[in-house]
PDB file of N, CA and C in Angstrom:
ATOM      1  N   MET A   1      -2.803  -1.055 -16.458  1.00  0.00           N
ATOM      2  CA  MET A   1      -3.723  -0.149 -15.841  1.00  0.00           C
ATOM      3  C   MET A   1      -3.152   1.254 -15.968  1.00  0.00           C
ATOM      4  N   ALA A   2      -3.837   2.093 -16.652  1.00  0.00           N
ATOM      5  CA  ALA A   2      -3.276   3.379 -17.040  1.00  0.00           C
ATOM      6  C   ALA A   2      -3.667   4.539 -16.129  1.00  0.00           C
ATOM      7  N   TRP A   3      -4.086   4.299 -14.939  1.00  0.00           N
ATOM      8  CA  TRP A   3      -4.449   5.374 -14.021  1.00  0.00           C
ATOM      9  C   TRP A   3      -3.251   5.710 -13.145  1.00  0.00           C
ATOM     10  N   ASP A   4      -3.249   6.911 -12.583  1.00  0.00           N
ATOM     11  CA  ASP A   4      -2.110   7.371 -11.782  1.00  0.00           C
ATOM     12  C   ASP A   4      -1.700   6.374 -10.706  1.00  0.00           C
ATOM     13  N   TYR A   5      -2.673   5.831  -9.991  1.00  0.00           N
ATOM     14  CA  TYR A   5      -2.384   4.866  -8.937  1.00  0.00           C
ATOM     15  C   TYR A   5      -2.994   3.516  -9.284  1.00  0.00           C
ATOM     16  N   GLY A   6      -3.118   3.242 -10.553  1.00  0.00           N
ATOM     17  CA  GLY A   6      -3.753   2.021 -11.022  1.00  0.00           C
ATOM     18  C   GLY A   6      -3.130   0.774 -10.442  1.00  0.00           C
ATOM     19  N   GLY A   7      -3.973  -0.091  -9.928  1.00  0.00           N
ATOM     20  CA  GLY A   7      -3.506  -1.352  -9.381  1.00  0.00           C
ATOM     21  C   GLY A   7      -3.014  -1.281  -7.955  1.00  0.00           C
ATOM     22  N   THR A   8      -3.097  -0.111  -7.328  1.00  0.00           N
ATOM     23  CA  THR A   8      -2.629   0.017  -5.948  1.00  0.00           C
ATOM     24  C   THR A   8      -3.635  -0.617  -4.994  1.00  0.00           C
ATOM     25  N   ILE A   9      -3.129  -1.469  -4.127  1.00  0.00           N
ATOM     26  CA  ILE A   9      -3.971  -2.144  -3.139  1.00  0.00           C
ATOM     27  C   ILE A   9      -4.081  -1.262  -1.908  1.00  0.00           C
ATOM     28  N   LEU A  10      -5.306  -1.016  -1.468  1.00  0.00           N
ATOM     29  CA  LEU A  10      -5.531  -0.237  -0.253  1.00  0.00           C
ATOM     30  C   LEU A  10      -5.368  -1.150   0.955  1.00  0.00           C
ATOM     31  N   LEU A  11      -4.527  -0.744   1.878  1.00  0.00           N
ATOM     32  CA  LEU A  11      -4.227  -1.591   3.031  1.00  0.00           C
ATOM     33  C   LEU A  11      -5.145  -1.357   4.221  1.00  0.00           C
ATOM     34  N   ASP A  12      -5.829  -0.207   4.254  1.00  0.00           N
ATOM     35  CA  ASP A  12      -6.710   0.052   5.391  1.00  0.00           C
ATOM     36  C   ASP A  12      -7.785  -1.030   5.472  1.00  0.00           C
ATOM     37  N   SER A  13      -8.145  -1.398   6.667  1.00  0.00           N
ATOM     38  CA  SER A  13      -9.121  -2.466   6.930  1.00  0.00           C
ATOM     39  C   SER A  13      -8.619  -3.828   6.455  1.00  0.00           C
ATOM     40  N   SER A  14      -7.313  -4.018   6.402  1.00  0.00           N
ATOM     41  CA  SER A  14      -6.747  -5.318   6.040  1.00  0.00           C
ATOM     42  C   SER A  14      -5.751  -5.727   7.119  1.00  0.00           C
ATOM     43  N   PRO A  15      -5.302  -6.970   7.110  1.00  0.00           N
ATOM     44  CA  PRO A  15      -4.292  -7.393   8.077  1.00  0.00           C
ATOM     45  C   PRO A  15      -2.973  -6.602   7.959  1.00  0.00           C
ATOM     46  N   LEU A  16      -2.775  -5.922   6.842  1.00  0.00           N
ATOM     47  CA  LEU A  16      -1.552  -5.137   6.640  1.00  0.00           C
ATOM     48  C   LEU A  16      -1.743  -3.646   6.937  1.00  0.00           C
ATOM     49  N   SER A  17      -2.851  -3.274   7.543  1.00  0.00           N
ATOM     50  CA  SER A  17      -3.155  -1.859   7.758  1.00  0.00           C
ATOM     51  C   SER A  17      -2.107  -1.131   8.591  1.00  0.00           C
ATOM     52  N   SER A  18      -1.396  -1.818   9.461  1.00  0.00           N
ATOM     53  CA  SER A  18      -0.364  -1.151  10.273  1.00  0.00           C
ATOM     54  C   SER A  18       0.824  -0.702   9.412  1.00  0.00           C
ATOM     55  N   TYR A  19       0.897  -1.169   8.175  1.00  0.00           N
ATOM     56  CA  TYR A  19       1.962  -0.776   7.261  1.00  0.00           C
ATOM     57  C   TYR A  19       1.539   0.341   6.301  1.00  0.00           C
ATOM     58  N   GLN A  20       0.353   0.885   6.507  1.00  0.00           N
ATOM     59  CA  GLN A  20      -0.148   1.978   5.670  1.00  0.00           C
ATOM     60  C   GLN A  20       0.886   3.107   5.645  1.00  0.00           C
ATOM     61  N   GLY A  21       1.275   3.555   4.456  1.00  0.00           N
ATOM     62  CA  GLY A  21       2.274   4.598   4.311  1.00  0.00           C
ATOM     63  C   GLY A  21       3.701   4.082   4.299  1.00  0.00           C
ATOM     64  N   LYS A  22       3.890   2.814   4.632  1.00  0.00           N
ATOM     65  CA  LYS A  22       5.220   2.207   4.652  1.00  0.00           C
ATOM     66  C   LYS A  22       5.362   1.117   3.591  1.00  0.00           C
ATOM     67  N   LEU A  23       4.232   0.593   3.142  1.00  0.00           N
ATOM     68  CA  LEU A  23       4.213  -0.499   2.177  1.00  0.00           C
ATOM     69  C   LEU A  23       3.188  -0.184   1.094  1.00  0.00           C
ATOM     70  N   ILE A  24       3.618  -0.274  -0.149  1.00  0.00           N
ATOM     71  CA  ILE A  24       2.714  -0.047  -1.278  1.00  0.00           C
ATOM     72  C   ILE A  24       2.774  -1.286  -2.161  1.00  0.00           C
ATOM     73  N   LEU A  25       1.624  -1.868  -2.422  1.00  0.00           N
ATOM     74  CA  LEU A  25       1.513  -3.047  -3.280  1.00  0.00           C
ATOM     75  C   LEU A  25       0.698  -2.672  -4.512  1.00  0.00           C
ATOM     76  N   ARG A  26       1.196  -3.062  -5.679  1.00  0.00           N
ATOM     77  CA  ARG A  26       0.461  -2.795  -6.913  1.00  0.00           C
ATOM     78  C   ARG A  26       0.353  -4.079  -7.726  1.00  0.00           C
ATOM     79  N   VAL A  27      -0.795  -4.258  -8.329  1.00  0.00           N
ATOM     80  CA  VAL A  27      -1.047  -5.424  -9.167  1.00  0.00           C
ATOM     81  C   VAL A  27      -1.247  -4.986 -10.610  1.00  0.00           C
ATOM     82  N   ASP A  28      -1.143  -5.933 -11.500  1.00  0.00           N
ATOM     83  CA  ASP A  28      -1.355  -5.696 -12.920  1.00  0.00           C
ATOM     84  C   ASP A  28      -2.032  -6.931 -13.499  1.00  0.00           C
ATOM     85  N   THR A  29      -2.510  -6.801 -14.714  1.00  0.00           N
ATOM     86  CA  THR A  29      -3.153  -7.932 -15.380  1.00  0.00           C
ATOM     87  C   THR A  29      -2.159  -8.654 -16.276  1.00  0.00           C
ATOM     88  N   ALA A  30      -2.528  -9.836 -16.685  1.00  0.00           N
ATOM     89  CA  ALA A  30      -1.715 -10.589 -17.639  1.00  0.00           C
ATOM     90  C   ALA A  30      -1.715  -9.843 -18.979  1.00  0.00           C
ATOM     91  N   PRO A  31      -0.705 -10.067 -19.814  1.00  0.00           N
ATOM     92  CA  PRO A  31      -0.650  -9.399 -21.127  1.00  0.00           C
ATOM     93  C   PRO A  31      -1.896  -9.696 -21.972  1.00  0.00           C
ATOM     94  N   ASN A  32      -2.308  -8.729 -22.736  1.00  0.00           N
ATOM     95  CA  ASN A  32      -3.445  -8.829 -23.667  1.00  0.00           C
ATOM     96  C   ASN A  32      -4.789  -9.060 -22.986  1.00  0.00           C
ATOM     97  N   THR A  33      -4.849  -8.833 -21.704  1.00  0.00           N
ATOM     98  CA  THR A  33      -6.099  -9.075 -20.977  1.00  0.00           C
ATOM     99  C   THR A  33      -7.235  -8.189 -21.465  1.00  0.00           C
ATOM    100  N   ALA A  34      -6.949  -6.925 -21.732  1.00  0.00           N
ATOM    101  CA  ALA A  34      -8.001  -6.004 -22.183  1.00  0.00           C
ATOM    102  C   ALA A  34      -8.626  -6.474 -23.493  1.00  0.00           C
ATOM    103  N   GLN A  35      -7.826  -7.100 -24.356  1.00  0.00           N
ATOM    104  CA  GLN A  35      -8.354  -7.602 -25.623  1.00  0.00           C
ATOM    105  C   GLN A  35      -9.086  -8.933 -25.443  1.00  0.00           C
ATOM    106  N   LYS A  36      -8.579  -9.786 -24.568  1.00  0.00           N
ATOM    107  CA  LYS A  36      -9.189 -11.104 -24.372  1.00  0.00           C
ATOM    108  C   LYS A  36     -10.491 -11.043 -23.585  1.00  0.00           C
ATOM    109  N   TYR A  37     -10.532 -10.172 -22.575  1.00  0.00           N
ATOM    110  CA  TYR A  37     -11.696 -10.084 -21.691  1.00  0.00           C
ATOM    111  C   TYR A  37     -12.127  -8.627 -21.543  1.00  0.00           C
ATOM    112  N   PRO A  38     -12.542  -7.988 -22.627  1.00  0.00           N
ATOM    113  CA  PRO A  38     -12.836  -6.552 -22.571  1.00  0.00           C
ATOM    114  C   PRO A  38     -13.929  -6.177 -21.570  1.00  0.00           C
ATOM    115  N   ASN A  39     -14.953  -6.990 -21.436  1.00  0.00           N
ATOM    116  CA  ASN A  39     -16.038  -6.653 -20.503  1.00  0.00           C
ATOM    117  C   ASN A  39     -15.573  -6.724 -19.057  1.00  0.00           C
ATOM    118  N   ASP A  40     -14.814  -7.770 -18.715  1.00  0.00           N
ATOM    119  CA  ASP A  40     -14.290  -7.893 -17.354  1.00  0.00           C
ATOM    120  C   ASP A  40     -13.292  -6.777 -17.062  1.00  0.00           C
ATOM    121  N   TYR A  41     -12.436  -6.496 -18.028  1.00  0.00           N
ATOM    122  CA  TYR A  41     -11.419  -5.464 -17.848  1.00  0.00           C
ATOM    123  C   TYR A  41     -12.061  -4.097 -17.610  1.00  0.00           C
ATOM    124  N   LYS A  42     -13.055  -3.762 -18.416  1.00  0.00           N
ATOM    125  CA  LYS A  42     -13.756  -2.478 -18.264  1.00  0.00           C
ATOM    126  C   LYS A  42     -14.506  -2.400 -16.944  1.00  0.00           C
ATOM    127  N   ALA A  43     -15.004  -3.539 -16.471  1.00  0.00           N
ATOM    128  CA  ALA A  43     -15.783  -3.561 -15.233  1.00  0.00           C
ATOM    129  C   ALA A  43     -14.940  -3.211 -14.003  1.00  0.00           C
ATOM    130  N   VAL A  44     -13.628  -3.417 -14.084  1.00  0.00           N
ATOM    131  CA  VAL A  44     -12.749  -3.108 -12.945  1.00  0.00           C
ATOM    132  C   VAL A  44     -11.674  -2.091 -13.334  1.00  0.00           C
ATOM    133  N   SER A  45     -12.003  -1.220 -14.272  1.00  0.00           N
ATOM    134  CA  SER A  45     -11.093  -0.158 -14.692  1.00  0.00           C
ATOM    135  C   SER A  45     -11.712   1.186 -14.363  1.00  0.00           C
ATOM    136  N   GLY A  46     -10.868   2.141 -14.121  1.00  0.00           N
ATOM    137  CA  GLY A  46     -11.339   3.493 -13.862  1.00  0.00           C
ATOM    138  C   GLY A  46     -10.790   4.034 -12.562  1.00  0.00           C
ATOM    139  N   ASP A  47     -11.021   5.286 -12.355  1.00  0.00           N
ATOM    140  CA  ASP A  47     -10.482   5.998 -11.199  1.00  0.00           C
ATOM    141  C   ASP A  47     -11.432   5.855 -10.010  1.00  0.00           C
ATOM    142  N   ARG A  48     -11.485   4.655  -9.467  1.00  0.00           N
ATOM    143  CA  ARG A  48     -12.324   4.368  -8.300  1.00  0.00           C
ATOM    144  C   ARG A  48     -11.802   3.120  -7.607  1.00  0.00           C
ATOM    145  N   THR A  49     -12.401   2.779  -6.499  1.00  0.00           N
ATOM    146  CA  THR A  49     -11.986   1.623  -5.704  1.00  0.00           C
ATOM    147  C   THR A  49     -12.839   0.412  -6.081  1.00  0.00           C
ATOM    148  N   PHE A  50     -12.187  -0.746  -6.187  1.00  0.00           N
ATOM    149  CA  PHE A  50     -12.874  -1.992  -6.512  1.00  0.00           C
ATOM    150  C   PHE A  50     -12.583  -3.032  -5.446  1.00  0.00           C
ATOM    151  N   SER A  51     -13.584  -3.798  -5.086  1.00  0.00           N
ATOM    152  CA  SER A  51     -13.433  -4.851  -4.088  1.00  0.00           C
ATOM    153  C   SER A  51     -12.630  -6.020  -4.665  1.00  0.00           C
ATOM    154  N   SER A  52     -11.809  -6.618  -3.817  1.00  0.00           N
ATOM    155  CA  SER A  52     -11.042  -7.788  -4.258  1.00  0.00           C
ATOM    156  C   SER A  52     -11.948  -8.991  -4.512  1.00  0.00           C
ATOM    157  N   SER A  53     -13.173  -8.952  -4.015  1.00  0.00           N
ATOM    158  CA  SER A  53     -14.106 -10.056  -4.244  1.00  0.00           C
ATOM    159  C   SER A  53     -14.918  -9.884  -5.536  1.00  0.00           C
ATOM    160  N   ASN A  54     -14.669  -8.833  -6.281  1.00  0.00           N
ATOM    161  CA  ASN A  54     -15.379  -8.602  -7.537  1.00  0.00           C
ATOM    162  C   ASN A  54     -15.100  -9.760  -8.494  1.00  0.00           C
ATOM    163  N   PRO A  55     -16.133 -10.421  -9.019  1.00  0.00           N
ATOM    164  CA  PRO A  55     -15.930 -11.594  -9.878  1.00  0.00           C
ATOM    165  C   PRO A  55     -15.232 -11.278 -11.203  1.00  0.00           C
ATOM    166  N   HIS A  56     -15.175 -10.019 -11.608  1.00  0.00           N
ATOM    167  CA  HIS A  56     -14.517  -9.656 -12.870  1.00  0.00           C
ATOM    168  C   HIS A  56     -12.998  -9.779 -12.804  1.00  0.00           C
ATOM    169  N   TRP A  57     -12.417  -9.867 -11.597  1.00  0.00           N
ATOM    170  CA  TRP A  57     -10.967 -10.030 -11.474  1.00  0.00           C
ATOM    171  C   TRP A  57     -10.495 -11.405 -11.959  1.00  0.00           C
ATOM    172  N   LYS A  58     -11.306 -12.415 -11.724  1.00  0.00           N
ATOM    173  CA  LYS A  58     -10.868 -13.801 -11.935  1.00  0.00           C
ATOM    174  C   LYS A  58     -10.247 -14.077 -13.312  1.00  0.00           C
ATOM    175  N   PRO A  59     -10.877 -13.711 -14.414  1.00  0.00           N
ATOM    176  CA  PRO A  59     -10.272 -14.048 -15.717  1.00  0.00           C
ATOM    177  C   PRO A  59      -9.084 -13.166 -16.101  1.00  0.00           C
ATOM    178  N   LEU A  60      -8.803 -12.122 -15.341  1.00  0.00           N
ATOM    179  CA  LEU A  60      -7.797 -11.148 -15.755  1.00  0.00           C
ATOM    180  C   LEU A  60      -6.358 -11.524 -15.428  1.00  0.00           C
ATOM    181  N   GLY A  61      -6.143 -12.610 -14.717  1.00  0.00           N
ATOM    182  CA  GLY A  61      -4.777 -13.036 -14.421  1.00  0.00           C
ATOM    183  C   GLY A  61      -4.020 -12.015 -13.593  1.00  0.00           C
ATOM    184  N   ILE A  62      -4.646 -11.507 -12.550  1.00  0.00           N
ATOM    185  CA  ILE A  62      -4.028 -10.484 -11.700  1.00  0.00           C
ATOM    186  C   ILE A  62      -2.767 -11.053 -11.051  1.00  0.00           C
ATOM    187  N   ARG A  63      -1.704 -10.231 -11.074  1.00  0.00           N
ATOM    188  CA  ARG A  63      -0.436 -10.641 -10.467  1.00  0.00           C
ATOM    189  C   ARG A  63       0.190  -9.452  -9.751  1.00  0.00           C
ATOM    190  N   LEU A  64       0.981  -9.741  -8.751  1.00  0.00           N
ATOM    191  CA  LEU A  64       1.693  -8.700  -8.033  1.00  0.00           C
ATOM    192  C   LEU A  64       2.771  -8.138  -8.949  1.00  0.00           C
ATOM    193  N   ALA A  65       2.717  -6.841  -9.209  1.00  0.00           N
ATOM    194  CA  ALA A  65       3.636  -6.229 -10.164  1.00  0.00           C
ATOM    195  C   ALA A  65       4.703  -5.375  -9.492  1.00  0.00           C
ATOM    196  N   GLU A  66       4.386  -4.843  -8.299  1.00  0.00           N
ATOM    197  CA  GLU A  66       5.323  -3.922  -7.672  1.00  0.00           C
ATOM    198  C   GLU A  66       5.141  -3.938  -6.159  1.00  0.00           C
ATOM    199  N   ILE A  67       6.248  -3.939  -5.457  1.00  0.00           N
ATOM    200  CA  ILE A  67       6.259  -3.810  -3.998  1.00  0.00           C
ATOM    201  C   ILE A  67       7.168  -2.634  -3.673  1.00  0.00           C
ATOM    202  N   ILE A  68       6.644  -1.648  -2.977  1.00  0.00           N
ATOM    203  CA  ILE A  68       7.431  -0.494  -2.553  1.00  0.00           C
ATOM    204  C   ILE A  68       7.452  -0.489  -1.035  1.00  0.00           C
ATOM    205  N   VAL A  69       8.654  -0.450  -0.465  1.00  0.00           N
ATOM    206  CA  VAL A  69       8.823  -0.380   0.983  1.00  0.00           C
ATOM    207  C   VAL A  69       9.475   0.968   1.300  1.00  0.00           C
ATOM    208  N   VAL A  70       8.813   1.749   2.119  1.00  0.00           N
ATOM    209  CA  VAL A  70       9.344   3.041   2.526  1.00  0.00           C
ATOM    210  C   VAL A  70      10.108   2.817   3.828  1.00  0.00           C
ATOM    211  N   LEU A  71      11.423   2.997   3.772  1.00  0.00           N
ATOM    212  CA  LEU A  71      12.264   2.690   4.930  1.00  0.00           C
ATOM    213  C   LEU A  71      12.280   3.800   5.972  1.00  0.00           C
ATOM    214  N   ASN A  72      12.146   5.032   5.567  1.00  0.00           N
ATOM    215  CA  ASN A  72      12.190   6.157   6.496  1.00  0.00           C
ATOM    216  C   ASN A  72      10.969   7.050   6.299  1.00  0.00           C
ATOM    217  N   PRO A  73       9.776   6.580   6.686  1.00  0.00           N
ATOM    218  CA  PRO A  73       8.577   7.404   6.489  1.00  0.00           C
ATOM    219  C   PRO A  73       8.675   8.669   7.339  1.00  0.00           C
ATOM    220  N   SER A  74       8.247   9.784   6.757  1.00  0.00           N
ATOM    221  CA  SER A  74       8.308  11.037   7.523  1.00  0.00           C
ATOM    222  C   SER A  74       7.008  11.336   8.212  1.00  0.00           C
TER     223      SER A  74
END
């Protein structure tokens, strides 16, 4: 995902919302996903927010790629 914050999970309105600003989760797709499933990949690509219930995620092999924990938030 080639966007500045691509793959970042928004925590607001989730069970993890109390960790907003302290926890950053990012996901990525399986290798070669854009070539294998171009329509699904394009449907959930771009500089906007996408619902986790979007059916286009399913074939993309989404996986947790990065966990950032901010220990001393200012």
